[in-house]
Amino acid sequence: MKVLFITYSHIGLNNGGLQNQIKNTEIALNSIGVEVIYFNPWLDQINEVDVLHVFSLEGSALPYIRRARLNGKPVIVTSVYNSFSGNSFIDVLKHKISVLPAIYNNITKSKTMLGLADAVVTLNEKEGHYLERVFGICPDKISVIPNGIDIRFKEGDPDLVREKLGINKFALMIGSITNNKNQLSMIKASSMAGVNLVIVGAASKENDAYYKQCVEKAGSNVFFLGYLEANDPLLASCYMASNLLMLPSFKEVMPLVIYEAGMAGCNIAVSDCVVVDKVIEPFVYRFNPHSVDEMANVLIKGGDEKNSEIQNAVQNMMTWNDVASEYASLYRKFSNNIIL
């Protein structure tokens, strides 16, 4: 069985959650006998595969979805929908206006992609409801398949990062350095709270000015570790050494760092703009990402000890192997030629 993975063309320019999602899904599918082929724009790969699987609603995939449908190939779209505006009312209004020529063409293409798909996969129920409201997608067409949990983050060596940085206690922040991730506010909050802050992540060229702002505002309590690969022992060490993960983003879909930190038993604090799985929601600190004062208060009360309740809850969530099995079931459901 062969599946063609396609996403937006600039996926390779930056490391982020979608790259990790796609890679982990590929590895897990391979383990159950599904061969994943990555899209090559110089080739017509549609007839080589059994299924087309599209990640994101970026419109450049639309011609390939149309070709797949013409060739009788099932199309699965994992929307990874992070909202064009962050406001469902505004998005609904844009969608209505998009019927006019050349107005909000991205929304028109997204709606067409969703309409042509055999199945639409969302990472959580809220994302599915959002697609129903904005694009009028039938609920029966939507399947919720979250990102998988990686159990290796339960077994990191905390001494690696402690010895590297010369500190024992710190709050942790992981993600690309961008305005949306809100590192600058967190740096200010850590200074107010008098708490060490370790930042894992790098800035793309487009975000270099923001990164320089962060460095200029950072005091001696802030440590930049740069980008770390998911399998880097230092990343697992960060999770195990820290008792508090902070995620002050303005928009996210299903950030993996929350659940990776939970696997390591970290307390978790997340902005009230971010959807959190109901399994761990009762144990999560919430704050306004626009309020440095609220962030500082969370840093202070975030806890000195690991959180076994979060750890136990996360361990009961889906693994990447579970995710692969769910996708394989979808592939089989919409293709008469696939035997698994």
C-alpha atoms as a PDB file:
ATOM      1  CA  MET A   1       0.000   0.000   0.000  1.00  0.00           C
ATOM      2  CA  LYS A   2       1.356   3.436  -0.955  1.00  0.00           C
ATOM      3  CA  VAL A   3       0.264   6.856   0.273  1.00  0.00           C
ATOM      4  CA  LEU A   4       1.375  10.188  -1.175  1.00  0.00           C
ATOM      5  CA  PHE A   5       2.003  12.903   1.437  1.00  0.00           C
ATOM      6  CA  ILE A   6       1.667  16.490   0.275  1.00  0.00           C
ATOM      7  CA  THR A   7       1.694  19.818   2.121  1.00  0.00           C
ATOM      8  CA  TYR A   8       2.577  23.424   1.387  1.00  0.00           C
ATOM      9  CA  SER A   9       5.677  23.889  -0.758  1.00  0.00           C
ATOM     10  CA  HIS A  10       7.735  25.846   1.793  1.00  0.00           C
ATOM     11  CA  ILE A  11       7.486  23.175   4.517  1.00  0.00           C
ATOM     12  CA  GLY A  12      11.259  22.640   4.464  1.00  0.00           C
ATOM     13  CA  LEU A  13      12.182  26.251   5.245  1.00  0.00           C
ATOM     14  CA  ASN A  14      11.353  26.066   8.939  1.00  0.00           C
ATOM     15  CA  ASN A  15      11.327  23.333  11.567  1.00  0.00           C
ATOM     16  CA  GLY A  16       8.054  23.112  13.420  1.00  0.00           C
ATOM     17  CA  GLY A  17       5.110  21.110  14.652  1.00  0.00           C
ATOM     18  CA  LEU A  18       3.735  20.193  11.225  1.00  0.00           C
ATOM     19  CA  GLN A  19       7.063  18.729  10.124  1.00  0.00           C
ATOM     20  CA  ASN A  20       7.161  16.631  13.296  1.00  0.00           C
ATOM     21  CA  GLN A  21       3.564  15.544  12.803  1.00  0.00           C
ATOM     22  CA  ILE A  22       4.197  14.425   9.227  1.00  0.00           C
ATOM     23  CA  LYS A  23       7.470  12.661  10.041  1.00  0.00           C
ATOM     24  CA  ASN A  24       6.095  10.810  13.069  1.00  0.00           C
ATOM     25  CA  THR A  25       3.025   9.762  11.090  1.00  0.00           C
ATOM     26  CA  GLU A  26       5.239   8.450   8.287  1.00  0.00           C
ATOM     27  CA  ILE A  27       7.414   6.402  10.657  1.00  0.00           C
ATOM     28  CA  ALA A  28       4.386   4.872  12.363  1.00  0.00           C
ATOM     29  CA  LEU A  29       2.674   4.060   9.041  1.00  0.00           C
ATOM     30  CA  ASN A  30       5.838   2.412   7.754  1.00  0.00           C
ATOM     31  CA  SER A  31       5.880   0.217  10.846  1.00  0.00           C
ATOM     32  CA  ILE A  32       2.491  -1.268   9.890  1.00  0.00           C
ATOM     33  CA  GLY A  33       3.352  -1.819   6.229  1.00  0.00           C
ATOM     34  CA  VAL A  34       2.138   1.432   4.656  1.00  0.00           C
ATOM     35  CA  GLU A  35       4.714   2.999   2.338  1.00  0.00           C
ATOM     36  CA  VAL A  36       4.769   6.797   2.467  1.00  0.00           C
ATOM     37  CA  ILE A  37       5.969   8.731  -0.575  1.00  0.00           C
ATOM     38  CA  TYR A  38       6.755  12.430  -0.273  1.00  0.00           C
ATOM     39  CA  PHE A  39       5.432  14.734  -2.957  1.00  0.00           C
ATOM     40  CA  ASN A  40       7.821  15.765  -5.732  1.00  0.00           C
ATOM     41  CA  PRO A  41       6.495  18.696  -7.839  1.00  0.00           C
ATOM     42  CA  TRP A  42       8.529  17.528 -10.861  1.00  0.00           C
ATOM     43  CA  LEU A  43       6.684  14.205 -11.079  1.00  0.00           C
ATOM     44  CA  ASP A  44       3.137  13.005 -11.601  1.00  0.00           C
ATOM     45  CA  GLN A  45       2.954  10.612  -8.658  1.00  0.00           C
ATOM     46  CA  ILE A  46      -0.819  10.212  -8.402  1.00  0.00           C
ATOM     47  CA  ASN A  47      -0.981   6.942 -10.345  1.00  0.00           C
ATOM     48  CA  GLU A  48       1.891   5.457  -8.309  1.00  0.00           C
ATOM     49  CA  VAL A  49      -0.079   5.506  -5.043  1.00  0.00           C
ATOM     50  CA  ASP A  50      -3.303   4.231  -3.535  1.00  0.00           C
ATOM     51  CA  VAL A  51      -4.198   7.329  -1.504  1.00  0.00           C
ATOM     52  CA  LEU A  52      -3.445  11.063  -1.526  1.00  0.00           C
ATOM     53  CA  HIS A  53      -3.000  12.471   1.988  1.00  0.00           C
ATOM     54  CA  VAL A  54      -2.849  16.273   2.227  1.00  0.00           C
ATOM     55  CA  PHE A  55      -1.637  18.091   5.340  1.00  0.00           C
ATOM     56  CA  SER A  56      -2.924  21.710   5.721  1.00  0.00           C
ATOM     57  CA  LEU A  57      -5.454  23.753   3.763  1.00  0.00           C
ATOM     58  CA  GLU A  58      -2.880  25.749   1.806  1.00  0.00           C
ATOM     59  CA  GLY A  59      -4.279  26.088  -1.711  1.00  0.00           C
ATOM     60  CA  SER A  60      -1.276  24.862  -3.709  1.00  0.00           C
ATOM     61  CA  ALA A  61      -2.413  21.252  -3.145  1.00  0.00           C
ATOM     62  CA  LEU A  62      -5.742  21.826  -4.889  1.00  0.00           C
ATOM     63  CA  PRO A  63      -4.639  20.736  -8.428  1.00  0.00           C
ATOM     64  CA  TYR A  64      -3.320  17.468  -7.003  1.00  0.00           C
ATOM     65  CA  ILE A  65      -6.555  16.819  -5.142  1.00  0.00           C
ATOM     66  CA  ARG A  66      -8.486  17.373  -8.367  1.00  0.00           C
ATOM     67  CA  ARG A  67      -6.188  15.034 -10.296  1.00  0.00           C
ATOM     68  CA  ALA A  68      -6.499  12.350  -7.616  1.00  0.00           C
ATOM     69  CA  ARG A  69     -10.288  12.544  -7.743  1.00  0.00           C
ATOM     70  CA  LEU A  70     -10.260  12.291 -11.553  1.00  0.00           C
ATOM     71  CA  ASN A  71      -8.045   9.209 -11.254  1.00  0.00           C
ATOM     72  CA  GLY A  72     -10.285   7.589  -8.660  1.00  0.00           C
ATOM     73  CA  LYS A  73      -7.840   7.916  -5.771  1.00  0.00           C
ATOM     74  CA  PRO A  74      -9.131   8.578  -2.239  1.00  0.00           C
ATOM     75  CA  VAL A  75      -8.208  11.963  -0.759  1.00  0.00           C
ATOM     76  CA  ILE A  76      -7.659  12.489   2.961  1.00  0.00           C
ATOM     77  CA  VAL A  77      -7.152  16.075   4.157  1.00  0.00           C
ATOM     78  CA  THR A  78      -5.645  16.696   7.589  1.00  0.00           C
ATOM     79  CA  SER A  79      -6.622  20.339   7.944  1.00  0.00           C
ATOM     80  CA  VAL A  80      -4.170  21.510  10.670  1.00  0.00           C
ATOM     81  CA  TYR A  81      -6.385  24.588  10.664  1.00  0.00           C
ATOM     82  CA  ASN A  82      -4.881  27.474  12.595  1.00  0.00           C
ATOM     83  CA  SER A  83      -7.519  29.991  11.487  1.00  0.00           C
ATOM     84  CA  PHE A  84      -6.866  32.825   9.111  1.00  0.00           C
ATOM     85  CA  SER A  85      -7.899  35.404  11.697  1.00  0.00           C
ATOM     86  CA  GLY A  86      -8.265  33.648  15.042  1.00  0.00           C
ATOM     87  CA  ASN A  87     -11.928  34.712  15.145  1.00  0.00           C
ATOM     88  CA  SER A  88     -14.662  32.436  13.806  1.00  0.00           C
ATOM     89  CA  PHE A  89     -17.083  35.336  13.186  1.00  0.00           C
ATOM     90  CA  ILE A  90     -14.494  37.124  11.047  1.00  0.00           C
ATOM     91  CA  ASP A  91     -13.654  33.917   9.192  1.00  0.00           C
ATOM     92  CA  VAL A  92     -17.347  33.258   8.480  1.00  0.00           C
ATOM     93  CA  LEU A  93     -17.679  36.823   7.158  1.00  0.00           C
ATOM     94  CA  LYS A  94     -14.574  36.392   4.971  1.00  0.00           C
ATOM     95  CA  HIS A  95     -15.978  33.140   3.666  1.00  0.00           C
ATOM     96  CA  LYS A  96     -19.206  34.847   2.608  1.00  0.00           C
ATOM     97  CA  ILE A  97     -17.274  37.661   0.914  1.00  0.00           C
ATOM     98  CA  SER A  98     -14.956  35.196  -0.824  1.00  0.00           C
ATOM     99  CA  VAL A  99     -17.632  34.455  -3.464  1.00  0.00           C
ATOM    100  CA  LEU A 100     -16.592  37.761  -5.042  1.00  0.00           C
ATOM    101  CA  PRO A 101     -13.800  37.460  -7.652  1.00  0.00           C
ATOM    102  CA  ALA A 102     -10.247  37.639  -6.261  1.00  0.00           C
ATOM    103  CA  ILE A 103     -11.466  38.262  -2.696  1.00  0.00           C
ATOM    104  CA  TYR A 104      -9.974  36.030   0.031  1.00  0.00           C
ATOM    105  CA  ASN A 105      -8.904  33.507  -2.583  1.00  0.00           C
ATOM    106  CA  ASN A 106      -7.165  31.403   0.109  1.00  0.00           C
ATOM    107  CA  ILE A 107     -10.486  30.737   1.818  1.00  0.00           C
ATOM    108  CA  THR A 108     -12.142  29.780  -1.478  1.00  0.00           C
ATOM    109  CA  LYS A 109      -9.400  27.254  -2.200  1.00  0.00           C
ATOM    110  CA  SER A 110      -9.598  25.826   1.323  1.00  0.00           C
ATOM    111  CA  LYS A 111     -13.346  25.311   1.002  1.00  0.00           C
ATOM    112  CA  THR A 112     -12.883  23.579  -2.354  1.00  0.00           C
ATOM    113  CA  MET A 113     -10.203  21.283  -0.912  1.00  0.00           C
ATOM    114  CA  LEU A 114     -12.462  20.335   1.983  1.00  0.00           C
ATOM    115  CA  GLY A 115     -15.377  19.724  -0.367  1.00  0.00           C
ATOM    116  CA  LEU A 116     -13.360  17.410  -2.637  1.00  0.00           C
ATOM    117  CA  ALA A 117     -11.838  15.383   0.226  1.00  0.00           C
ATOM    118  CA  ASP A 118     -13.285  11.969   1.033  1.00  0.00           C
ATOM    119  CA  ALA A 119     -12.471  12.577   4.702  1.00  0.00           C
ATOM    120  CA  VAL A 120     -11.301  15.575   6.722  1.00  0.00           C
ATOM    121  CA  VAL A 121      -9.141  14.939   9.777  1.00  0.00           C
ATOM    122  CA  THR A 122      -8.857  17.436  12.620  1.00  0.00           C
ATOM    123  CA  LEU A 123      -6.600  17.319  15.647  1.00  0.00           C
ATOM    124  CA  ASN A 124      -9.398  18.040  18.107  1.00  0.00           C
ATOM    125  CA  GLU A 125     -13.168  18.564  18.268  1.00  0.00           C
ATOM    126  CA  LYS A 126     -12.882  22.359  18.455  1.00  0.00           C
ATOM    127  CA  GLU A 127     -11.015  22.450  15.142  1.00  0.00           C
ATOM    128  CA  GLY A 128     -13.762  20.308  13.600  1.00  0.00           C
ATOM    129  CA  HIS A 129     -16.517  22.599  14.892  1.00  0.00           C
ATOM    130  CA  TYR A 130     -14.601  25.573  13.503  1.00  0.00           C
ATOM    131  CA  LEU A 131     -14.479  24.000  10.033  1.00  0.00           C
ATOM    132  CA  GLU A 132     -18.205  23.230  10.232  1.00  0.00           C
ATOM    133  CA  ARG A 133     -18.985  26.834  11.161  1.00  0.00           C
ATOM    134  CA  VAL A 134     -16.662  28.583   8.698  1.00  0.00           C
ATOM    135  CA  PHE A 135     -16.887  26.264   5.676  1.00  0.00           C
ATOM    136  CA  GLY A 136     -20.154  24.424   6.231  1.00  0.00           C
ATOM    137  CA  ILE A 137     -18.458  21.005   6.260  1.00  0.00           C
ATOM    138  CA  CYS A 138     -20.772  18.107   7.131  1.00  0.00           C
ATOM    139  CA  PRO A 139     -19.855  16.745  10.590  1.00  0.00           C
ATOM    140  CA  ASP A 140     -20.061  13.171   9.262  1.00  0.00           C
ATOM    141  CA  LYS A 141     -17.112  13.922   6.995  1.00  0.00           C
ATOM    142  CA  ILE A 142     -14.840  14.840   9.921  1.00  0.00           C
ATOM    143  CA  SER A 143     -12.697  12.439  11.936  1.00  0.00           C
ATOM    144  CA  VAL A 144     -10.734  13.532  14.990  1.00  0.00           C
ATOM    145  CA  ILE A 145      -7.233  12.042  15.073  1.00  0.00           C
ATOM    146  CA  PRO A 146      -4.893  13.890  17.466  1.00  0.00           C
ATOM    147  CA  ASN A 147      -1.134  13.952  17.300  1.00  0.00           C
ATOM    148  CA  GLY A 148       0.533  10.983  18.940  1.00  0.00           C
ATOM    149  CA  ILE A 149       2.400  10.966  22.226  1.00  0.00           C
ATOM    150  CA  ASP A 150       6.083  10.065  22.282  1.00  0.00           C
ATOM    151  CA  ILE A 151       6.909   7.985  25.353  1.00  0.00           C
ATOM    152  CA  ARG A 152      10.668   8.628  25.119  1.00  0.00           C
ATOM    153  CA  PHE A 153      10.238  11.994  26.866  1.00  0.00           C
ATOM    154  CA  LYS A 154       9.495  10.090  30.052  1.00  0.00           C
ATOM    155  CA  GLU A 155      13.075   8.847  30.206  1.00  0.00           C
ATOM    156  CA  GLY A 156      15.356  11.883  29.733  1.00  0.00           C
ATOM    157  CA  ASP A 157      18.451  12.552  31.837  1.00  0.00           C
ATOM    158  CA  PRO A 158      17.888  15.870  33.676  1.00  0.00           C
ATOM    159  CA  ASP A 159      21.569  16.285  34.483  1.00  0.00           C
ATOM    160  CA  LEU A 160      22.528  16.917  30.837  1.00  0.00           C
ATOM    161  CA  VAL A 161      20.935  20.359  30.667  1.00  0.00           C
ATOM    162  CA  ARG A 162      21.668  21.216  34.303  1.00  0.00           C
ATOM    163  CA  GLU A 163      25.366  20.665  33.756  1.00  0.00           C
ATOM    164  CA  LYS A 164      25.327  22.505  30.412  1.00  0.00           C
ATOM    165  CA  LEU A 165      23.670  25.633  31.807  1.00  0.00           C
ATOM    166  CA  GLY A 166      24.797  25.499  35.418  1.00  0.00           C
ATOM    167  CA  ILE A 167      21.267  25.823  36.831  1.00  0.00           C
ATOM    168  CA  ASN A 168      18.944  23.404  38.593  1.00  0.00           C
ATOM    169  CA  LYS A 169      15.530  25.040  38.494  1.00  0.00           C
ATOM    170  CA  PHE A 170      13.916  26.722  35.496  1.00  0.00           C
ATOM    171  CA  ALA A 171      10.746  27.240  33.468  1.00  0.00           C
ATOM    172  CA  LEU A 172      10.852  25.875  29.941  1.00  0.00           C
ATOM    173  CA  MET A 173       9.615  27.280  26.645  1.00  0.00           C
ATOM    174  CA  ILE A 174       9.891  25.390  23.348  1.00  0.00           C
ATOM    175  CA  GLY A 175       9.006  26.578  19.854  1.00  0.00           C
ATOM    176  CA  SER A 176      10.103  28.630  16.873  1.00  0.00           C
ATOM    177  CA  ILE A 177      11.004  32.155  17.923  1.00  0.00           C
ATOM    178  CA  THR A 178       8.193  34.249  16.458  1.00  0.00           C
ATOM    179  CA  ASN A 179       5.689  36.908  17.495  1.00  0.00           C
ATOM    180  CA  ASN A 180       2.990  34.249  17.633  1.00  0.00           C
ATOM    181  CA  LYS A 181       4.950  32.123  20.112  1.00  0.00           C
ATOM    182  CA  ASN A 182       5.326  35.241  22.286  1.00  0.00           C
ATOM    183  CA  GLN A 183       8.809  34.664  23.708  1.00  0.00           C
ATOM    184  CA  LEU A 184       9.370  38.385  24.296  1.00  0.00           C
ATOM    185  CA  SER A 185       6.488  38.631  26.764  1.00  0.00           C
ATOM    186  CA  MET A 186       7.676  35.493  28.520  1.00  0.00           C
ATOM    187  CA  ILE A 187      11.174  36.949  28.875  1.00  0.00           C
ATOM    188  CA  LYS A 188       9.704  40.052  30.509  1.00  0.00           C
ATOM    189  CA  ALA A 189       7.554  37.902  32.797  1.00  0.00           C
ATOM    190  CA  SER A 190      10.504  35.748  33.878  1.00  0.00           C
ATOM    191  CA  SER A 191      12.402  38.904  34.836  1.00  0.00           C
ATOM    192  CA  MET A 192       9.444  40.150  36.917  1.00  0.00           C
ATOM    193  CA  ALA A 193       9.072  36.764  38.610  1.00  0.00           C
ATOM    194  CA  GLY A 194      12.806  36.252  39.187  1.00  0.00           C
ATOM    195  CA  VAL A 195      12.635  32.814  37.558  1.00  0.00           C
ATOM    196  CA  ASN A 196      15.166  31.167  35.247  1.00  0.00           C
ATOM    197  CA  LEU A 197      13.804  30.633  31.741  1.00  0.00           C
ATOM    198  CA  VAL A 198      15.214  28.185  29.180  1.00  0.00           C
ATOM    199  CA  ILE A 199      14.142  28.830  25.589  1.00  0.00           C
ATOM    200  CA  VAL A 200      14.473  26.038  23.025  1.00  0.00           C
ATOM    201  CA  GLY A 201      13.939  27.048  19.408  1.00  0.00           C
ATOM    202  CA  ALA A 202      15.361  29.106  16.594  1.00  0.00           C
ATOM    203  CA  ALA A 203      14.194  32.019  14.468  1.00  0.00           C
ATOM    204  CA  SER A 204      13.867  31.923  10.710  1.00  0.00           C
ATOM    205  CA  LYS A 205      15.394  34.758   8.678  1.00  0.00           C
ATOM    206  CA  GLU A 206      11.963  36.392   8.547  1.00  0.00           C
ATOM    207  CA  ASN A 207      11.857  36.522  12.341  1.00  0.00           C
ATOM    208  CA  ASP A 208      15.447  37.591  12.946  1.00  0.00           C
ATOM    209  CA  ALA A 209      14.434  41.096  14.115  1.00  0.00           C
ATOM    210  CA  TYR A 210      12.088  39.595  16.719  1.00  0.00           C
ATOM    211  CA  TYR A 211      14.808  37.223  17.892  1.00  0.00           C
ATOM    212  CA  LYS A 212      17.200  40.167  18.353  1.00  0.00           C
ATOM    213  CA  GLN A 213      14.544  41.917  20.455  1.00  0.00           C
ATOM    214  CA  CYS A 214      14.297  38.837  22.651  1.00  0.00           C
ATOM    215  CA  VAL A 215      18.065  38.662  23.125  1.00  0.00           C
ATOM    216  CA  GLU A 216      18.247  42.375  23.975  1.00  0.00           C
ATOM    217  CA  LYS A 217      15.510  42.089  26.616  1.00  0.00           C
ATOM    218  CA  ALA A 218      16.840  38.857  28.108  1.00  0.00           C
ATOM    219  CA  GLY A 219      18.630  39.100  31.435  1.00  0.00           C
ATOM    220  CA  SER A 220      21.096  36.683  32.972  1.00  0.00           C
ATOM    221  CA  ASN A 221      18.145  34.469  33.964  1.00  0.00           C
ATOM    222  CA  VAL A 222      17.310  33.611  30.321  1.00  0.00           C
ATOM    223  CA  PHE A 223      19.110  30.843  28.428  1.00  0.00           C
ATOM    224  CA  PHE A 224      18.794  30.253  24.670  1.00  0.00           C
ATOM    225  CA  LEU A 225      19.511  26.660  23.569  1.00  0.00           C
ATOM    226  CA  GLY A 226      18.606  27.065  19.897  1.00  0.00           C
ATOM    227  CA  TYR A 227      16.801  24.443  17.847  1.00  0.00           C
ATOM    228  CA  LEU A 228      16.958  20.850  19.106  1.00  0.00           C
ATOM    229  CA  GLU A 229      15.929  17.816  17.069  1.00  0.00           C
ATOM    230  CA  ALA A 230      13.128  15.731  18.555  1.00  0.00           C
ATOM    231  CA  ASN A 231      15.534  12.838  19.175  1.00  0.00           C
ATOM    232  CA  ASP A 232      18.238  15.009  20.769  1.00  0.00           C
ATOM    233  CA  PRO A 233      18.904  13.758  24.334  1.00  0.00           C
ATOM    234  CA  LEU A 234      19.231  17.400  25.423  1.00  0.00           C
ATOM    235  CA  LEU A 235      15.569  18.036  24.550  1.00  0.00           C
ATOM    236  CA  ALA A 236      14.393  15.110  26.679  1.00  0.00           C
ATOM    237  CA  SER A 237      16.723  16.384  29.398  1.00  0.00           C
ATOM    238  CA  CYS A 238      15.047  19.816  29.312  1.00  0.00           C
ATOM    239  CA  TYR A 239      11.647  18.242  29.875  1.00  0.00           C
ATOM    240  CA  MET A 240      12.877  16.099  32.739  1.00  0.00           C
ATOM    241  CA  ALA A 241      14.845  18.884  34.444  1.00  0.00           C
ATOM    242  CA  SER A 242      12.073  21.479  34.323  1.00  0.00           C
ATOM    243  CA  ASN A 243       8.968  21.457  36.492  1.00  0.00           C
ATOM    244  CA  LEU A 244       7.029  23.976  34.379  1.00  0.00           C
ATOM    245  CA  LEU A 245       6.410  24.317  30.634  1.00  0.00           C
ATOM    246  CA  MET A 246       5.107  27.707  29.471  1.00  0.00           C
ATOM    247  CA  LEU A 247       3.249  28.103  26.163  1.00  0.00           C
ATOM    248  CA  PRO A 248       2.118  31.745  25.724  1.00  0.00           C
ATOM    249  CA  SER A 249       1.180  31.490  22.021  1.00  0.00           C
ATOM    250  CA  PHE A 250      -1.611  33.512  20.460  1.00  0.00           C
ATOM    251  CA  LYS A 251      -2.607  30.668  18.097  1.00  0.00           C
ATOM    252  CA  GLU A 252      -1.913  26.908  18.016  1.00  0.00           C
ATOM    253  CA  VAL A 253      -3.698  23.800  16.726  1.00  0.00           C
ATOM    254  CA  MET A 254      -2.350  20.916  18.827  1.00  0.00           C
ATOM    255  CA  PRO A 255       1.128  21.820  20.086  1.00  0.00           C
ATOM    256  CA  LEU A 256       3.129  18.659  20.690  1.00  0.00           C
ATOM    257  CA  VAL A 257       5.281  20.313  23.354  1.00  0.00           C
ATOM    258  CA  ILE A 258       2.378  20.297  25.828  1.00  0.00           C
ATOM    259  CA  TYR A 259       2.067  16.537  25.718  1.00  0.00           C
ATOM    260  CA  GLU A 260       5.785  15.860  25.524  1.00  0.00           C
ATOM    261  CA  ALA A 261       6.195  17.930  28.684  1.00  0.00           C
ATOM    262  CA  GLY A 262       3.270  16.128  30.274  1.00  0.00           C
ATOM    263  CA  MET A 263       4.932  12.800  29.545  1.00  0.00           C
ATOM    264  CA  ALA A 264       7.907  14.049  31.561  1.00  0.00           C
ATOM    265  CA  GLY A 265       5.626  15.130  34.418  1.00  0.00           C
ATOM    266  CA  CYS A 266       6.031  18.874  33.932  1.00  0.00           C
ATOM    267  CA  ASN A 267       3.431  21.277  35.213  1.00  0.00           C
ATOM    268  CA  ILE A 268       1.909  22.992  32.184  1.00  0.00           C
ATOM    269  CA  ALA A 269       0.825  26.604  31.710  1.00  0.00           C
ATOM    270  CA  VAL A 270      -0.879  27.552  28.458  1.00  0.00           C
ATOM    271  CA  SER A 271      -2.389  30.752  27.099  1.00  0.00           C
ATOM    272  CA  ASP A 272      -6.174  30.848  27.021  1.00  0.00           C
ATOM    273  CA  CYS A 273      -6.010  31.041  23.191  1.00  0.00           C
ATOM    274  CA  VAL A 274      -4.747  27.465  22.863  1.00  0.00           C
ATOM    275  CA  VAL A 275      -6.902  24.332  22.757  1.00  0.00           C
ATOM    276  CA  VAL A 276      -5.817  21.687  25.275  1.00  0.00           C
ATOM    277  CA  ASP A 277      -6.995  18.084  25.253  1.00  0.00           C
ATOM    278  CA  LYS A 278      -9.758  17.494  27.786  1.00  0.00           C
ATOM    279  CA  VAL A 279      -7.686  14.699  29.333  1.00  0.00           C
ATOM    280  CA  ILE A 280      -5.212  17.169  30.846  1.00  0.00           C
ATOM    281  CA  GLU A 281      -7.305  20.376  30.858  1.00  0.00           C
ATOM    282  CA  PRO A 282      -8.117  20.124  34.612  1.00  0.00           C
ATOM    283  CA  PHE A 283      -4.421  20.187  35.507  1.00  0.00           C
ATOM    284  CA  VAL A 284      -3.317  23.078  33.267  1.00  0.00           C
ATOM    285  CA  TYR A 285      -2.651  26.666  34.368  1.00  0.00           C
ATOM    286  CA  ARG A 286      -4.279  29.262  32.080  1.00  0.00           C
ATOM    287  CA  PHE A 287      -3.343  32.903  31.437  1.00  0.00           C
ATOM    288  CA  ASN A 288      -3.917  35.813  29.057  1.00  0.00           C
ATOM    289  CA  PRO A 289      -1.025  35.898  26.535  1.00  0.00           C
ATOM    290  CA  HIS A 290      -1.306  39.695  26.407  1.00  0.00           C
ATOM    291  CA  SER A 291      -0.716  40.012  30.166  1.00  0.00           C
ATOM    292  CA  VAL A 292       2.895  39.891  31.351  1.00  0.00           C
ATOM    293  CA  ASP A 293       1.629  40.165  34.924  1.00  0.00           C
ATOM    294  CA  GLU A 294      -0.453  36.990  34.599  1.00  0.00           C
ATOM    295  CA  MET A 295       2.504  35.130  33.092  1.00  0.00           C
ATOM    296  CA  ALA A 296       4.733  36.257  35.973  1.00  0.00           C
ATOM    297  CA  ASN A 297       2.167  35.046  38.513  1.00  0.00           C
ATOM    298  CA  VAL A 298       1.991  31.635  36.823  1.00  0.00           C
ATOM    299  CA  LEU A 299       5.787  31.391  36.811  1.00  0.00           C
ATOM    300  CA  ILE A 300       5.825  32.046  40.543  1.00  0.00           C
ATOM    301  CA  LYS A 301       3.103  29.550  41.455  1.00  0.00           C
ATOM    302  CA  GLY A 302       3.942  27.005  38.759  1.00  0.00           C
ATOM    303  CA  GLY A 303       5.151  24.370  41.175  1.00  0.00           C
ATOM    304  CA  ASP A 304       8.453  23.075  42.486  1.00  0.00           C
ATOM    305  CA  GLU A 305       7.653  19.408  41.934  1.00  0.00           C
ATOM    306  CA  LYS A 306       6.781  17.149  39.041  1.00  0.00           C
ATOM    307  CA  ASN A 307       3.086  16.549  38.325  1.00  0.00           C
ATOM    308  CA  SER A 308       2.188  12.857  38.393  1.00  0.00           C
ATOM    309  CA  GLU A 309      -1.467  13.589  37.549  1.00  0.00           C
ATOM    310  CA  ILE A 310      -0.553  15.123  34.192  1.00  0.00           C
ATOM    311  CA  GLN A 311       1.946  12.360  33.518  1.00  0.00           C
ATOM    312  CA  ASN A 312      -0.619   9.633  34.188  1.00  0.00           C
ATOM    313  CA  ALA A 313      -3.222  11.385  32.023  1.00  0.00           C
ATOM    314  CA  VAL A 314      -0.882  11.853  29.056  1.00  0.00           C
ATOM    315  CA  GLN A 315       0.256   8.240  29.171  1.00  0.00           C
ATOM    316  CA  ASN A 316      -3.334   7.206  28.388  1.00  0.00           C
ATOM    317  CA  MET A 317      -3.490   9.314  25.217  1.00  0.00           C
ATOM    318  CA  MET A 318      -2.923   8.010  21.678  1.00  0.00           C
ATOM    319  CA  THR A 319       0.589   7.045  20.595  1.00  0.00           C
ATOM    320  CA  TRP A 320       1.886   7.553  17.054  1.00  0.00           C
ATOM    321  CA  ASN A 321       1.197   3.875  16.381  1.00  0.00           C
ATOM    322  CA  ASP A 322      -2.435   4.461  17.367  1.00  0.00           C
ATOM    323  CA  VAL A 323      -2.531   7.444  14.994  1.00  0.00           C
ATOM    324  CA  ALA A 324      -1.175   5.311  12.142  1.00  0.00           C
ATOM    325  CA  SER A 325      -3.822   2.657  12.759  1.00  0.00           C
ATOM    326  CA  GLU A 326      -6.576   5.285  12.603  1.00  0.00           C
ATOM    327  CA  TYR A 327      -5.249   6.652   9.318  1.00  0.00           C
ATOM    328  CA  ALA A 328      -4.880   3.168   7.850  1.00  0.00           C
ATOM    329  CA  SER A 329      -8.548   2.540   8.665  1.00  0.00           C
ATOM    330  CA  LEU A 330      -9.518   5.707   6.790  1.00  0.00           C
ATOM    331  CA  TYR A 331      -7.399   4.732   3.792  1.00  0.00           C
ATOM    332  CA  ARG A 332      -9.059   1.321   3.713  1.00  0.00           C
ATOM    333  CA  LYS A 333     -12.557   2.779   4.127  1.00  0.00           C
ATOM    334  CA  PHE A 334     -12.322   4.924   1.001  1.00  0.00           C
ATOM    335  CA  SER A 335     -10.429   2.582  -1.295  1.00  0.00           C
ATOM    336  CA  ASN A 336     -11.670  -0.666  -2.792  1.00  0.00           C
ATOM    337  CA  ASN A 337      -8.163  -1.703  -3.839  1.00  0.00           C
ATOM    338  CA  ILE A 338      -6.413  -1.634  -0.478  1.00  0.00           C
ATOM    339  CA  ILE A 339      -5.910  -4.742   1.609  1.00  0.00           C
ATOM    340  CA  LEU A 340      -4.263  -4.327   5.005  1.00  0.00           C
END
